[in-house]
Amino acid sequence: MAVTLDEVAEAAGVSKSTASRVLSGSSRVSDRTKRAVQSAAERLGYRPNRIASGLRTRRSNLIGLVITNLVNASFHVITEVLQQRLDERGYQVLLCVTDADPAREARYLDMLLDHRVDGLIIVGTGDNTEMVRQVGAAGIPVVNLMRTPQNVPGDSVMAADREGAELAAQHLIGLGHRRIAFIGGPAHIDSGRDRYAGFAAALAAAGLEPDPDLCARGPYTMAFGAEAARRVMAAERPPTALYSANHEATFGTLGALVQLGVRVPEQLSLVCHEEAPWFSYWHPPITVVDNGARDLGELAAEQLLRRIDSRPDIGGPGGPEGAGRLIRVGSRLVVRSSTTAPGRPGAAPLTP
């Protein structure tokens, strides 16, 4: 049987209200009383009812993090940063991995509402915008991360995907490539749409157009990456360079290139979007567009905490200031040995 607050109060020789004040951290009790209550609670193994406490204080000290997968190396970094930053402020993170399944995402959002989370950070599928609106309507601050569906509440923290894709394509064009393959995400997701737009813009600026035979856009899966790599490499006029702009698909793309015996960079220059720790150890080390995952996590935590602290129902100032802010984190190109001029052995020079 769970130990009750009444039992702690009786063991400490104080009233229930006094015991409650001590265990909730109130300073309006003497040190002697505080020691007596804390000793009794420890001796009896008392565990406070956080749900009941949350109903009284309107705070649960829980944050919901809804994310599509943990295959993506950026999501690993973001999750680590968020847990560290929120833990420093006394919050626990409820991590919900949806595997990009809208039905699973909807169940998690329901569960987070039931747990009265103090805030929500979501990398969404885009198929449950009405439920995300319900979260916002319930007074729960929302931060949309990496993706920003239309007509949803809260701030958005995004990567500069279009600019990063332009950097990748400009790098390959500058090396002399004209037949550049593109493997990217679906058009209805921000990153898939923006990265293709940046790629196409860089080609247009050089007087080129994306070749439909060399462009593949699909889901964020390894299987798609492998299939897409085989398809573009089987084109009548194969590419001399490949920009893999779908990070999850990149794992399948790399495996397919190995199976096909494609030599990088002698036969095919390769740029991948989003950094991963082992990209620098691949043979050859891979040129990447770094989307600033650590900064994305830091900014998401900062924006959510700012929203929570301003809630009028818990004593914050409230008000619409800064509502619906969109913040973008810049991308940078990290040049390694997987890119070179077409038809020339060796690699592009390293940059600082």
Protein backbone atom coordinates (compact mmCIF):
# COMPACT_ATOMS: atom_id res chain seq x y z
CA MET A 1 0.00 0.00 0.00
CA ALA A 2 1.23 3.49 -0.83
CA VAL A 3 2.17 5.63 2.15
CA THR A 4 -0.20 8.61 2.52
CA LEU A 5 0.51 12.19 3.49
CA ASP A 6 -1.64 11.65 6.61
CA GLU A 7 0.71 8.89 7.76
CA VAL A 8 3.78 11.09 7.23
CA ALA A 9 2.14 13.92 9.20
CA GLU A 10 1.22 11.59 12.08
CA ALA A 11 4.74 10.11 12.21
CA ALA A 12 6.26 13.61 12.26
CA GLY A 13 3.79 14.90 14.83
CA VAL A 14 2.52 17.74 12.63
CA SER A 15 -0.68 18.57 10.76
CA LYS A 16 -1.28 17.35 7.23
CA SER A 17 -1.11 20.91 5.88
CA THR A 18 2.28 21.46 7.53
CA ALA A 19 3.62 18.20 6.10
CA SER A 20 2.33 19.24 2.68
CA ARG A 21 4.10 22.60 2.91
CA VAL A 22 7.39 20.94 3.83
CA LEU A 23 7.23 18.38 1.02
CA SER A 24 6.27 21.02 -1.56
CA GLY A 25 9.40 23.03 -0.68
CA SER A 26 7.76 25.85 1.26
CA SER A 27 10.07 28.00 3.38
CA ARG A 28 7.29 28.94 5.81
CA VAL A 29 8.20 26.22 8.33
CA SER A 30 10.92 25.91 10.94
CA ASP A 31 14.08 23.91 10.26
CA ARG A 32 13.15 21.57 13.11
CA THR A 33 9.73 20.83 11.59
CA LYS A 34 11.24 20.42 8.14
CA ARG A 35 13.75 17.85 9.41
CA ALA A 36 11.01 15.91 11.24
CA VAL A 37 8.75 15.70 8.18
CA GLN A 38 11.56 14.83 5.79
CA SER A 39 12.85 12.13 8.15
CA ALA A 40 9.37 10.62 8.49
CA ALA A 41 8.81 10.67 4.75
CA GLU A 42 12.14 8.96 4.10
CA ARG A 43 11.62 6.36 6.85
CA LEU A 44 8.13 5.45 5.59
CA GLY A 45 9.09 5.49 1.90
CA TYR A 46 6.60 8.23 1.03
CA ARG A 47 6.31 9.14 -2.67
CA PRO A 48 4.32 12.29 -3.51
CA ASN A 49 1.44 12.10 -5.96
CA ARG A 50 2.83 14.24 -8.77
CA ILE A 51 -0.42 14.16 -10.74
CA ALA A 52 -2.44 15.49 -7.81
CA SER A 53 0.24 18.07 -7.12
CA GLY A 54 0.17 19.12 -10.77
CA LEU A 55 -3.58 19.63 -10.61
CA ARG A 56 -3.11 22.02 -7.68
CA THR A 57 -0.13 23.94 -9.07
CA ARG A 58 -1.07 23.64 -12.78
CA ARG A 59 2.45 22.37 -13.41
CA SER A 60 3.50 18.79 -14.08
CA ASN A 61 7.21 19.44 -14.71
CA LEU A 62 6.83 17.20 -17.77
CA ILE A 63 7.74 18.16 -21.34
CA GLY A 64 6.55 16.14 -24.32
CA LEU A 65 9.08 15.55 -27.12
CA VAL A 66 7.44 14.00 -30.17
CA ILE A 67 9.95 13.03 -32.85
CA THR A 68 9.72 10.94 -36.00
CA ASN A 69 12.77 8.71 -35.49
CA LEU A 70 16.17 8.34 -33.84
CA VAL A 71 17.90 7.04 -36.99
CA ASN A 72 18.55 10.64 -37.99
CA ALA A 73 21.81 11.70 -36.35
CA SER A 74 20.52 15.27 -35.94
CA PHE A 75 17.56 14.00 -33.91
CA HIS A 76 19.99 12.15 -31.61
CA VAL A 77 21.87 15.38 -30.92
CA ILE A 78 18.68 17.43 -30.54
CA THR A 79 17.20 14.94 -28.06
CA GLU A 80 20.41 14.91 -26.00
CA VAL A 81 20.53 18.72 -25.87
CA LEU A 82 16.85 19.06 -24.97
CA GLN A 83 17.07 16.51 -22.15
CA GLN A 84 20.12 18.27 -20.69
CA ARG A 85 18.69 21.80 -20.92
CA LEU A 86 15.24 20.89 -19.61
CA ASP A 87 16.65 18.74 -16.81
CA GLU A 88 18.66 21.77 -15.66
CA ARG A 89 15.34 23.56 -15.19
CA GLY A 90 13.73 20.68 -13.29
CA TYR A 91 11.71 19.18 -16.14
CA GLN A 92 11.47 15.55 -17.23
CA VAL A 93 11.17 14.77 -20.94
CA LEU A 94 8.59 12.26 -22.16
CA LEU A 95 10.19 11.03 -25.40
CA CYS A 96 7.72 9.78 -28.01
CA VAL A 97 9.18 8.25 -31.20
CA THR A 98 6.47 8.02 -33.86
CA ASP A 99 8.36 6.29 -36.68
CA ALA A 100 6.56 8.87 -38.90
CA ASP A 101 3.26 7.06 -38.25
CA PRO A 102 0.40 9.61 -37.99
CA ALA A 103 -1.79 7.21 -35.97
CA ARG A 104 0.97 6.63 -33.42
CA GLU A 105 1.66 10.36 -33.29
CA ALA A 106 -2.03 11.02 -32.54
CA ARG A 107 -1.96 8.50 -29.67
CA TYR A 108 1.11 10.15 -28.19
CA LEU A 109 -0.45 13.62 -28.41
CA ASP A 110 -3.53 12.30 -26.60
CA MET A 111 -1.34 10.78 -23.90
CA LEU A 112 0.64 14.01 -23.44
CA LEU A 113 -2.59 15.98 -23.05
CA ASP A 114 -3.78 13.48 -20.42
CA HIS A 115 -0.50 13.92 -18.54
CA ARG A 116 -0.95 17.71 -18.57
CA VAL A 117 2.56 18.34 -19.89
CA ASP A 118 3.90 21.85 -19.35
CA GLY A 119 5.11 22.11 -22.94
CA LEU A 120 5.45 20.27 -26.24
CA ILE A 121 8.30 20.13 -28.76
CA ILE A 122 7.29 18.30 -31.92
CA VAL A 123 8.95 17.12 -35.11
CA GLY A 124 5.60 16.29 -36.66
CA THR A 125 4.33 14.23 -39.55
CA GLY A 126 2.06 17.08 -40.65
CA ASP A 127 -1.01 14.85 -40.43
CA ASN A 128 -2.20 15.84 -36.95
CA THR A 129 -2.29 19.61 -37.13
CA GLU A 130 -5.75 19.75 -35.57
CA MET A 131 -4.50 17.82 -32.52
CA VAL A 132 -1.49 20.13 -32.21
CA ARG A 133 -3.92 23.06 -32.29
CA GLN A 134 -5.84 21.40 -29.45
CA VAL A 135 -2.62 21.23 -27.44
CA GLY A 136 -2.09 24.94 -27.97
CA ALA A 137 -5.74 25.70 -27.18
CA ALA A 138 -5.30 23.89 -23.84
CA GLY A 139 -2.73 26.53 -22.90
CA ILE A 140 0.29 24.27 -23.46
CA PRO A 141 3.21 26.06 -25.16
CA VAL A 142 4.26 24.39 -28.44
CA VAL A 143 7.52 24.57 -30.37
CA ASN A 144 7.53 23.09 -33.88
CA LEU A 145 11.01 21.78 -34.63
CA MET A 146 12.52 21.16 -38.10
CA ARG A 147 9.05 21.29 -39.66
CA THR A 148 6.35 23.94 -39.44
CA PRO A 149 2.88 22.80 -40.57
CA GLN A 150 0.51 25.57 -41.59
CA ASN A 151 -1.99 27.01 -39.11
CA VAL A 152 -0.52 25.40 -36.01
CA PRO A 153 0.25 27.27 -32.78
CA GLY A 154 3.61 28.03 -31.27
CA ASP A 155 7.09 29.00 -32.34
CA SER A 156 9.07 27.19 -35.03
CA VAL A 157 12.79 26.43 -34.95
CA MET A 158 14.00 25.44 -38.40
CA ALA A 159 17.23 24.63 -40.20
CA ALA A 160 18.25 26.76 -43.18
CA ASP A 161 17.56 23.83 -45.51
CA ARG A 162 17.26 25.78 -48.76
CA GLU A 163 20.51 27.65 -48.16
CA GLY A 164 22.29 24.43 -47.17
CA ALA A 165 21.15 22.70 -50.35
CA GLU A 166 22.38 25.64 -52.42
CA LEU A 167 25.79 25.33 -50.77
CA ALA A 168 25.94 21.64 -51.67
CA ALA A 169 24.96 22.16 -55.30
CA GLN A 170 27.20 25.23 -55.72
CA HIS A 171 30.15 23.22 -54.40
CA LEU A 172 29.59 20.46 -56.95
CA ILE A 173 28.99 22.89 -59.80
CA GLY A 174 32.14 24.77 -58.85
CA LEU A 175 34.12 21.54 -59.21
CA GLY A 176 32.83 21.22 -62.77
CA HIS A 177 29.93 18.79 -62.36
CA ARG A 178 26.93 19.19 -64.64
CA ARG A 179 25.14 15.86 -64.21
CA ILE A 180 24.23 15.98 -60.52
CA ALA A 181 21.82 13.48 -58.99
CA PHE A 182 19.49 14.43 -56.14
CA ILE A 183 17.99 12.10 -53.52
CA GLY A 184 15.64 14.01 -51.21
CA GLY A 185 12.64 13.88 -48.94
CA PRO A 186 8.97 14.19 -49.90
CA ALA A 187 7.60 17.48 -51.21
CA HIS A 188 4.97 17.86 -48.45
CA ILE A 189 7.65 18.05 -45.71
CA ASP A 190 9.52 21.32 -45.19
CA SER A 191 12.99 19.84 -45.43
CA GLY A 192 12.17 17.80 -48.54
CA ARG A 193 10.60 20.80 -50.25
CA ASP A 194 13.22 23.37 -49.22
CA ARG A 195 16.27 21.27 -50.00
CA TYR A 196 15.02 20.50 -53.51
CA ALA A 197 14.23 24.20 -54.03
CA GLY A 198 17.77 25.17 -53.00
CA PHE A 199 19.28 22.49 -55.24
CA ALA A 200 17.19 23.62 -58.24
CA ALA A 201 17.99 27.31 -57.59
CA ALA A 202 21.74 26.65 -57.60
CA LEU A 203 21.45 24.72 -60.86
CA ALA A 204 19.34 27.47 -62.43
CA ALA A 205 21.93 30.09 -61.47
CA ALA A 206 24.50 28.04 -63.41
CA GLY A 207 22.21 27.67 -66.44
CA LEU A 208 21.31 24.07 -65.59
CA GLU A 209 18.08 22.18 -64.84
CA PRO A 210 17.45 19.15 -62.63
CA ASP A 211 17.37 15.99 -64.73
CA PRO A 212 14.20 13.98 -63.91
CA ASP A 213 16.16 10.76 -64.50
CA LEU A 214 18.62 11.78 -61.79
CA CYS A 215 16.15 13.05 -59.18
CA ALA A 216 14.43 10.83 -56.61
CA ARG A 217 12.23 12.09 -53.77
CA GLY A 218 10.63 9.84 -51.22
CA PRO A 219 10.22 8.78 -47.59
CA TYR A 220 12.84 9.12 -44.87
CA THR A 221 13.93 5.47 -44.94
CA MET A 222 17.05 3.47 -45.71
CA ALA A 223 15.10 1.31 -48.16
CA PHE A 224 14.16 4.33 -50.24
CA GLY A 225 17.77 5.53 -50.27
CA ALA A 226 19.06 2.20 -51.56
CA GLU A 227 16.38 1.99 -54.27
CA ALA A 228 16.91 5.62 -55.31
CA ALA A 229 20.70 5.23 -55.57
CA ARG A 230 20.34 2.18 -57.79
CA ARG A 231 17.83 4.00 -59.97
CA VAL A 232 19.89 7.15 -60.60
CA MET A 233 23.10 5.18 -61.15
CA ALA A 234 21.28 3.03 -63.76
CA ALA A 235 20.31 6.10 -65.82
CA GLU A 236 21.31 6.10 -69.49
CA ARG A 237 23.73 8.92 -68.70
CA PRO A 238 24.78 8.31 -65.09
CA PRO A 239 25.61 11.25 -62.81
CA THR A 240 29.12 12.38 -61.96
CA ALA A 241 27.95 13.72 -58.60
CA LEU A 242 25.23 12.93 -56.07
CA TYR A 243 23.67 15.13 -53.40
CA SER A 244 21.90 12.95 -50.81
CA ALA A 245 19.53 15.41 -49.14
CA ASN A 246 17.45 12.81 -47.27
CA HIS A 247 19.51 11.94 -44.20
CA GLU A 248 17.73 8.72 -43.29
CA ALA A 249 17.89 7.59 -46.93
CA THR A 250 21.62 8.32 -46.97
CA PHE A 251 22.31 5.13 -45.00
CA GLY A 252 20.70 3.08 -47.76
CA THR A 253 22.35 5.18 -50.46
CA LEU A 254 25.84 4.52 -49.10
CA GLY A 255 25.20 0.79 -48.88
CA ALA A 256 23.91 0.67 -52.46
CA LEU A 257 26.93 2.56 -53.80
CA VAL A 258 29.23 0.03 -52.11
CA GLN A 259 27.25 -2.88 -53.54
CA LEU A 260 27.35 -1.34 -57.01
CA GLY A 261 31.10 -0.90 -56.79
CA VAL A 262 30.91 2.86 -57.36
CA ARG A 263 34.23 4.51 -56.50
CA VAL A 264 33.89 7.75 -54.54
CA PRO A 265 35.08 10.31 -55.56
CA GLU A 266 36.79 8.92 -58.69
CA GLN A 267 33.51 7.93 -60.35
CA LEU A 268 31.03 9.85 -58.26
CA SER A 269 31.42 12.89 -56.02
CA LEU A 270 29.16 12.69 -52.98
CA VAL A 271 27.64 15.31 -50.65
CA CYS A 272 25.29 14.31 -47.81
CA HIS A 273 22.93 16.57 -45.87
CA GLU A 274 23.17 16.61 -42.05
CA GLU A 275 26.30 15.66 -40.16
CA ALA A 276 26.84 12.28 -38.49
CA PRO A 277 29.83 11.44 -36.26
CA TRP A 278 31.04 8.60 -38.48
CA PHE A 279 30.90 10.55 -41.77
CA SER A 280 34.40 11.85 -41.07
CA TYR A 281 35.63 8.23 -40.69
CA TRP A 282 33.94 6.80 -43.80
CA HIS A 283 36.25 5.88 -46.66
CA PRO A 284 36.60 8.42 -48.06
CA PRO A 285 35.44 10.98 -45.46
CA ILE A 286 32.16 12.49 -46.66
CA THR A 287 31.51 16.13 -47.53
CA VAL A 288 28.39 17.25 -45.64
CA VAL A 289 25.98 20.10 -45.12
CA ASP A 290 25.95 20.60 -41.36
CA ASN A 291 22.51 21.88 -40.29
CA GLY A 292 23.53 22.91 -36.76
CA ALA A 293 21.66 20.22 -34.79
CA ARG A 294 23.05 21.32 -31.42
CA ASP A 295 21.93 24.91 -32.02
CA LEU A 296 18.49 23.67 -33.10
CA GLY A 297 18.11 21.83 -29.78
CA GLU A 298 19.36 24.79 -27.74
CA LEU A 299 16.98 27.23 -29.44
CA ALA A 300 13.99 24.88 -29.14
CA ALA A 301 14.61 24.54 -25.39
CA GLU A 302 15.09 28.30 -25.01
CA GLN A 303 11.88 29.15 -26.85
CA LEU A 304 9.80 26.60 -24.96
CA LEU A 305 11.09 27.68 -21.55
CA ARG A 306 10.43 31.31 -22.42
CA ARG A 307 6.83 30.42 -23.29
CA ILE A 308 6.34 28.37 -20.12
CA ASP A 309 7.76 31.11 -17.92
CA SER A 310 5.35 33.65 -19.44
CA ARG A 311 2.19 31.61 -18.80
CA PRO A 312 -0.22 33.85 -16.85
CA ASP A 313 -1.86 30.87 -15.09
CA ILE A 314 1.40 30.12 -13.24
CA GLY A 315 2.25 33.71 -12.43
CA GLY A 316 3.97 34.72 -15.67
CA PRO A 317 3.34 38.01 -17.47
CA GLY A 318 1.45 36.43 -20.37
CA GLY A 319 0.72 38.51 -23.43
CA PRO A 320 1.17 37.91 -27.17
CA GLU A 321 4.76 39.23 -27.44
CA GLY A 322 6.80 37.11 -29.84
CA ALA A 323 3.87 34.84 -30.72
CA GLY A 324 4.49 32.50 -33.63
CA ARG A 325 8.18 33.29 -34.04
CA LEU A 326 10.14 31.53 -36.80
CA ILE A 327 13.84 31.04 -36.06
CA ARG A 328 16.27 29.52 -38.54
CA VAL A 329 19.70 28.06 -37.77
CA GLY A 330 22.27 28.57 -40.53
CA SER A 331 23.88 25.71 -42.43
CA ARG A 332 27.54 25.29 -43.33
CA LEU A 333 29.39 23.14 -45.84
CA VAL A 334 32.09 20.84 -44.46
CA VAL A 335 34.31 19.77 -47.36
CA ARG A 336 36.03 16.42 -47.02
CA SER A 337 37.43 13.87 -49.45
CA SER A 338 34.27 12.58 -51.15
CA THR A 339 34.14 15.39 -53.74
CA THR A 340 36.48 16.19 -56.62
CA ALA A 341 36.35 17.41 -60.23
CA PRO A 342 34.62 14.97 -62.61
CA GLY A 343 36.91 12.41 -64.17
CA ARG A 344 39.85 13.34 -61.96
CA PRO A 345 41.18 11.10 -59.19
CA GLY A 346 41.80 12.53 -55.77
CA ALA A 347 39.73 14.79 -53.61
CA ALA A 348 38.75 18.39 -53.17
CA PRO A 349 41.01 20.33 -50.77
CA LEU A 350 39.94 20.42 -47.17
CA THR A 351 38.52 23.64 -45.76
CA PRO A 352 39.26 24.90 -42.24
